[in-house]
Amino acid sequence: MILLYCEAGSSGEVALPAGLVEGRSAPERRYSLIEHFCAVEAGDELVTAHDADELVAHHHFRLASSAEQDAYAAKQKKAKRVQERAASASAPSDEANGG
């Protein structure tokens, strides 16, 4: 995964067309832009690197700084904890299931 920062917008989506990337066939790729961040991950290292280069070259993106990467990682961890708490709170307890 390559983390990019978009200076032009804070949310949305960016798409790159299907085609050959480094001699490999790649389907259309779509990446979400959330709070200026775009996590580029195509499932293939060469395609991921190509897509990050394309976005930096043409779409007001840049590599996220170390501080921005740390802030992004902290937000992701916090969001994961919130999801886990919500899932455990909504899971039926053994007593509710007659156990």
N, C-alpha and C. Protein backbone atom coordinates (compact mmCIF):
# COMPACT_ATOMS: atom_id res chain seq x y z
N MET A 1 0.85 -1.17 0.00
CA MET A 1 0.00 0.00 0.00
C MET A 1 0.89 1.24 0.00
N ILE A 2 0.53 2.18 -0.82
CA ILE A 2 1.23 3.47 -0.87
C ILE A 2 0.22 4.54 -0.49
N LEU A 3 0.55 5.32 0.53
CA LEU A 3 -0.36 6.35 1.01
C LEU A 3 -0.05 7.68 0.35
N LEU A 4 -1.06 8.24 -0.30
CA LEU A 4 -0.92 9.53 -0.96
C LEU A 4 -1.79 10.56 -0.27
N TYR A 5 -1.42 11.82 -0.43
CA TYR A 5 -2.19 12.94 0.10
C TYR A 5 -2.63 13.78 -1.08
N CYS A 6 -3.90 14.14 -1.10
CA CYS A 6 -4.45 14.95 -2.20
C CYS A 6 -4.68 16.37 -1.70
N GLU A 7 -4.01 17.31 -2.34
CA GLU A 7 -4.14 18.71 -1.95
C GLU A 7 -5.35 19.37 -2.58
N ALA A 8 -5.92 18.78 -3.61
CA ALA A 8 -7.00 19.41 -4.35
C ALA A 8 -8.39 19.10 -3.78
N GLY A 9 -8.56 18.01 -3.07
CA GLY A 9 -9.87 17.64 -2.57
C GLY A 9 -9.75 16.79 -1.33
N SER A 10 -10.85 16.72 -0.58
CA SER A 10 -10.78 15.97 0.67
C SER A 10 -11.52 14.64 0.62
N SER A 11 -12.43 14.48 -0.33
CA SER A 11 -13.15 13.21 -0.41
C SER A 11 -13.60 12.96 -1.85
N GLY A 12 -13.86 11.70 -2.12
CA GLY A 12 -14.30 11.33 -3.45
C GLY A 12 -13.69 10.02 -3.88
N GLU A 13 -13.50 9.89 -5.17
CA GLU A 13 -12.96 8.66 -5.72
C GLU A 13 -12.18 9.00 -6.97
N VAL A 14 -11.13 8.24 -7.22
CA VAL A 14 -10.35 8.40 -8.44
C VAL A 14 -10.28 7.03 -9.10
N ALA A 15 -10.36 7.02 -10.42
CA ALA A 15 -10.33 5.75 -11.16
C ALA A 15 -9.23 5.82 -12.21
N LEU A 16 -8.57 4.69 -12.39
CA LEU A 16 -7.59 4.55 -13.45
C LEU A 16 -8.09 3.47 -14.40
N PRO A 17 -7.94 3.68 -15.70
CA PRO A 17 -8.53 2.77 -16.68
C PRO A 17 -7.83 1.42 -16.76
N ALA A 18 -8.57 0.46 -17.25
CA ALA A 18 -8.00 -0.86 -17.52
C ALA A 18 -6.96 -0.73 -18.62
N GLY A 19 -5.98 -1.60 -18.60
CA GLY A 19 -4.97 -1.58 -19.64
C GLY A 19 -3.75 -2.37 -19.22
N LEU A 20 -2.69 -2.25 -20.00
CA LEU A 20 -1.45 -2.93 -19.68
C LEU A 20 -0.61 -2.05 -18.78
N VAL A 21 -0.12 -2.64 -17.70
CA VAL A 21 0.77 -1.96 -16.77
C VAL A 21 2.00 -2.84 -16.61
N GLU A 22 3.15 -2.33 -17.05
CA GLU A 22 4.39 -3.11 -16.98
C GLU A 22 4.22 -4.48 -17.65
N GLY A 23 3.48 -4.50 -18.76
CA GLY A 23 3.27 -5.72 -19.50
C GLY A 23 2.21 -6.64 -18.93
N ARG A 24 1.56 -6.22 -17.88
CA ARG A 24 0.51 -7.04 -17.24
C ARG A 24 -0.85 -6.40 -17.49
N SER A 25 -1.83 -7.24 -17.70
CA SER A 25 -3.20 -6.75 -17.87
C SER A 25 -3.75 -6.34 -16.52
N ALA A 26 -4.26 -5.14 -16.43
CA ALA A 26 -4.82 -4.63 -15.18
C ALA A 26 -6.24 -4.14 -15.44
N PRO A 27 -7.19 -4.53 -14.59
CA PRO A 27 -8.56 -4.03 -14.74
C PRO A 27 -8.63 -2.57 -14.29
N GLU A 28 -9.76 -1.95 -14.48
CA GLU A 28 -9.97 -0.60 -13.95
C GLU A 28 -9.76 -0.65 -12.44
N ARG A 29 -9.06 0.35 -11.91
CA ARG A 29 -8.85 0.44 -10.47
C ARG A 29 -9.49 1.70 -9.94
N ARG A 30 -10.17 1.59 -8.81
CA ARG A 30 -10.81 2.73 -8.15
C ARG A 30 -10.26 2.86 -6.74
N TYR A 31 -9.93 4.09 -6.39
CA TYR A 31 -9.40 4.36 -5.06
C TYR A 31 -10.22 5.45 -4.40
N SER A 32 -10.52 5.25 -3.12
CA SER A 32 -11.28 6.24 -2.37
C SER A 32 -10.36 7.31 -1.83
N LEU A 33 -10.88 8.51 -1.79
CA LEU A 33 -10.19 9.66 -1.21
C LEU A 33 -10.98 10.05 0.03
N ILE A 34 -10.37 9.87 1.20
CA ILE A 34 -11.04 10.14 2.46
C ILE A 34 -10.16 11.07 3.29
N GLU A 35 -10.71 12.24 3.61
CA GLU A 35 -9.99 13.26 4.39
C GLU A 35 -8.61 13.53 3.80
N HIS A 36 -8.55 13.72 2.51
CA HIS A 36 -7.36 14.03 1.72
C HIS A 36 -6.45 12.83 1.46
N PHE A 37 -6.69 11.69 2.09
CA PHE A 37 -5.81 10.53 1.95
C PHE A 37 -6.36 9.53 0.95
N CYS A 38 -5.44 8.91 0.21
CA CYS A 38 -5.77 7.87 -0.75
C CYS A 38 -4.80 6.72 -0.55
N ALA A 39 -5.32 5.58 -0.12
CA ALA A 39 -4.49 4.39 0.05
C ALA A 39 -4.51 3.61 -1.26
N VAL A 40 -3.38 3.62 -1.96
CA VAL A 40 -3.28 2.97 -3.27
C VAL A 40 -2.81 1.54 -3.05
N GLU A 41 -3.67 0.60 -3.38
CA GLU A 41 -3.34 -0.82 -3.25
C GLU A 41 -4.10 -1.58 -4.31
N ALA A 42 -3.37 -2.03 -5.32
CA ALA A 42 -3.99 -2.70 -6.46
C ALA A 42 -3.91 -4.22 -6.38
N GLY A 43 -3.25 -4.75 -5.35
CA GLY A 43 -3.11 -6.19 -5.24
C GLY A 43 -1.87 -6.73 -5.93
N ASP A 44 -1.21 -5.90 -6.70
CA ASP A 44 0.02 -6.26 -7.41
C ASP A 44 0.99 -5.10 -7.20
N GLU A 45 2.20 -5.39 -6.75
CA GLU A 45 3.15 -4.33 -6.43
C GLU A 45 3.44 -3.41 -7.61
N LEU A 46 3.62 -3.98 -8.79
CA LEU A 46 3.93 -3.16 -9.96
C LEU A 46 2.77 -2.24 -10.32
N VAL A 47 1.56 -2.77 -10.26
CA VAL A 47 0.38 -1.96 -10.58
C VAL A 47 0.19 -0.89 -9.51
N THR A 48 0.39 -1.24 -8.25
CA THR A 48 0.27 -0.27 -7.16
C THR A 48 1.26 0.88 -7.37
N ALA A 49 2.51 0.56 -7.64
CA ALA A 49 3.53 1.59 -7.86
C ALA A 49 3.21 2.44 -9.08
N HIS A 50 2.75 1.80 -10.15
CA HIS A 50 2.36 2.52 -11.36
C HIS A 50 1.22 3.49 -11.07
N ASP A 51 0.21 3.01 -10.36
CA ASP A 51 -0.95 3.85 -10.06
C ASP A 51 -0.56 5.04 -9.19
N ALA A 52 0.30 4.80 -8.20
CA ALA A 52 0.75 5.90 -7.35
C ALA A 52 1.52 6.93 -8.17
N ASP A 53 2.39 6.47 -9.05
CA ASP A 53 3.12 7.38 -9.93
C ASP A 53 2.19 8.18 -10.82
N GLU A 54 1.17 7.52 -11.38
CA GLU A 54 0.20 8.20 -12.24
C GLU A 54 -0.56 9.28 -11.47
N LEU A 55 -1.00 8.96 -10.27
CA LEU A 55 -1.76 9.93 -9.48
C LEU A 55 -0.89 11.12 -9.08
N VAL A 56 0.35 10.86 -8.69
CA VAL A 56 1.25 11.94 -8.32
C VAL A 56 1.55 12.83 -9.53
N ALA A 57 1.72 12.24 -10.69
CA ALA A 57 2.06 12.99 -11.89
C ALA A 57 0.92 13.84 -12.44
N HIS A 58 -0.32 13.40 -12.25
CA HIS A 58 -1.40 14.06 -12.97
C HIS A 58 -2.60 14.54 -12.16
N HIS A 59 -2.66 14.26 -10.89
CA HIS A 59 -3.93 14.53 -10.20
C HIS A 59 -3.79 15.23 -8.85
N HIS A 60 -2.80 16.10 -8.66
CA HIS A 60 -2.64 16.87 -7.43
C HIS A 60 -2.39 16.02 -6.20
N PHE A 61 -1.80 14.85 -6.38
CA PHE A 61 -1.45 13.98 -5.27
C PHE A 61 0.05 14.10 -5.00
N ARG A 62 0.43 13.77 -3.77
CA ARG A 62 1.84 13.64 -3.41
C ARG A 62 1.95 12.53 -2.38
N LEU A 63 3.16 12.03 -2.19
CA LEU A 63 3.36 11.03 -1.15
C LEU A 63 3.07 11.67 0.20
N ALA A 64 2.42 10.93 1.07
CA ALA A 64 2.14 11.43 2.41
C ALA A 64 3.45 11.50 3.20
N SER A 65 3.59 12.55 3.99
CA SER A 65 4.78 12.69 4.83
C SER A 65 4.75 11.67 5.96
N SER A 66 5.85 11.52 6.65
CA SER A 66 5.91 10.59 7.78
C SER A 66 4.87 10.94 8.84
N ALA A 67 4.75 12.21 9.14
CA ALA A 67 3.77 12.65 10.14
C ALA A 67 2.34 12.35 9.67
N GLU A 68 2.07 12.57 8.39
CA GLU A 68 0.74 12.28 7.84
C GLU A 68 0.47 10.78 7.86
N GLN A 69 1.49 9.98 7.55
CA GLN A 69 1.32 8.52 7.61
C GLN A 69 1.01 8.06 9.03
N ASP A 70 1.71 8.64 10.01
CA ASP A 70 1.45 8.30 11.42
C ASP A 70 0.03 8.68 11.82
N ALA A 71 -0.42 9.86 11.41
CA ALA A 71 -1.78 10.31 11.73
C ALA A 71 -2.81 9.40 11.07
N TYR A 72 -2.56 9.01 9.83
CA TYR A 72 -3.47 8.11 9.11
C TYR A 72 -3.55 6.77 9.82
N ALA A 73 -2.39 6.22 10.20
CA ALA A 73 -2.35 4.92 10.89
C ALA A 73 -3.10 4.99 12.23
N ALA A 74 -2.94 6.09 12.95
CA ALA A 74 -3.64 6.25 14.23
C ALA A 74 -5.15 6.30 14.01
N LYS A 75 -5.60 6.99 12.97
CA LYS A 75 -7.04 7.05 12.67
C LYS A 75 -7.56 5.67 12.29
N GLN A 76 -6.78 4.91 11.53
CA GLN A 76 -7.21 3.57 11.13
C GLN A 76 -7.33 2.66 12.35
N LYS A 77 -6.37 2.74 13.27
CA LYS A 77 -6.43 1.92 14.49
C LYS A 77 -7.64 2.29 15.34
N LYS A 78 -7.89 3.59 15.45
CA LYS A 78 -9.04 4.05 16.24
C LYS A 78 -10.34 3.56 15.62
N ALA A 79 -10.45 3.67 14.30
CA ALA A 79 -11.67 3.22 13.60
C ALA A 79 -11.86 1.72 13.78
N LYS A 80 -10.78 0.97 13.76
CA LYS A 80 -10.88 -0.48 13.94
C LYS A 80 -11.36 -0.82 15.34
N ARG A 81 -10.84 -0.12 16.35
CA ARG A 81 -11.28 -0.36 17.74
C ARG A 81 -12.76 -0.04 17.89
N VAL A 82 -13.21 1.05 17.28
CA VAL A 82 -14.62 1.42 17.36
C VAL A 82 -15.48 0.34 16.71
N GLN A 83 -15.06 -0.17 15.56
CA GLN A 83 -15.81 -1.24 14.88
C GLN A 83 -15.85 -2.50 15.74
N GLU A 84 -14.73 -2.83 16.35
CA GLU A 84 -14.68 -4.03 17.18
C GLU A 84 -15.59 -3.89 18.40
N ARG A 85 -15.60 -2.72 19.01
CA ARG A 85 -16.48 -2.48 20.16
C ARG A 85 -17.95 -2.55 19.75
N ALA A 86 -18.26 -1.97 18.60
CA ALA A 86 -19.64 -2.00 18.12
C ALA A 86 -20.07 -3.43 17.82
N ALA A 87 -19.17 -4.21 17.24
CA ALA A 87 -19.49 -5.60 16.92
C ALA A 87 -19.69 -6.41 18.19
N SER A 88 -18.85 -6.20 19.19
CA SER A 88 -18.99 -6.97 20.43
C SER A 88 -20.22 -6.52 21.21
N ALA A 89 -20.58 -5.26 21.11
CA ALA A 89 -21.77 -4.76 21.81
C ALA A 89 -23.04 -5.28 21.16
N SER A 90 -23.02 -5.51 19.86
CA SER A 90 -24.22 -5.98 19.17
C SER A 90 -24.31 -7.50 19.12
N ALA A 91 -23.23 -8.19 19.48
CA ALA A 91 -23.25 -9.66 19.48
C ALA A 91 -24.11 -10.15 20.63
N PRO A 92 -24.97 -11.16 20.39
CA PRO A 92 -25.82 -11.68 21.46
C PRO A 92 -24.96 -12.36 22.53
N SER A 93 -25.34 -12.14 23.77
CA SER A 93 -24.60 -12.78 24.87
C SER A 93 -25.07 -14.20 25.05
N ASP A 94 -24.30 -15.00 25.79
CA ASP A 94 -24.67 -16.38 26.07
C ASP A 94 -25.99 -16.45 26.84
N GLU A 95 -26.20 -15.51 27.77
CA GLU A 95 -27.44 -15.52 28.57
C GLU A 95 -28.64 -15.28 27.68
N ALA A 96 -28.50 -14.40 26.70
CA ALA A 96 -29.62 -14.12 25.80
C ALA A 96 -29.94 -15.32 24.92
N ASN A 97 -28.96 -16.19 24.72
CA ASN A 97 -29.15 -17.37 23.89
C ASN A 97 -29.52 -18.60 24.71
N GLY A 98 -29.85 -18.39 25.98
CA GLY A 98 -30.27 -19.51 26.81
C GLY A 98 -29.10 -20.31 27.37
N GLY A 99 -27.87 -19.75 27.33
CA GLY A 99 -26.71 -20.49 27.77
C GLY A 99 -26.16 -19.98 28.98
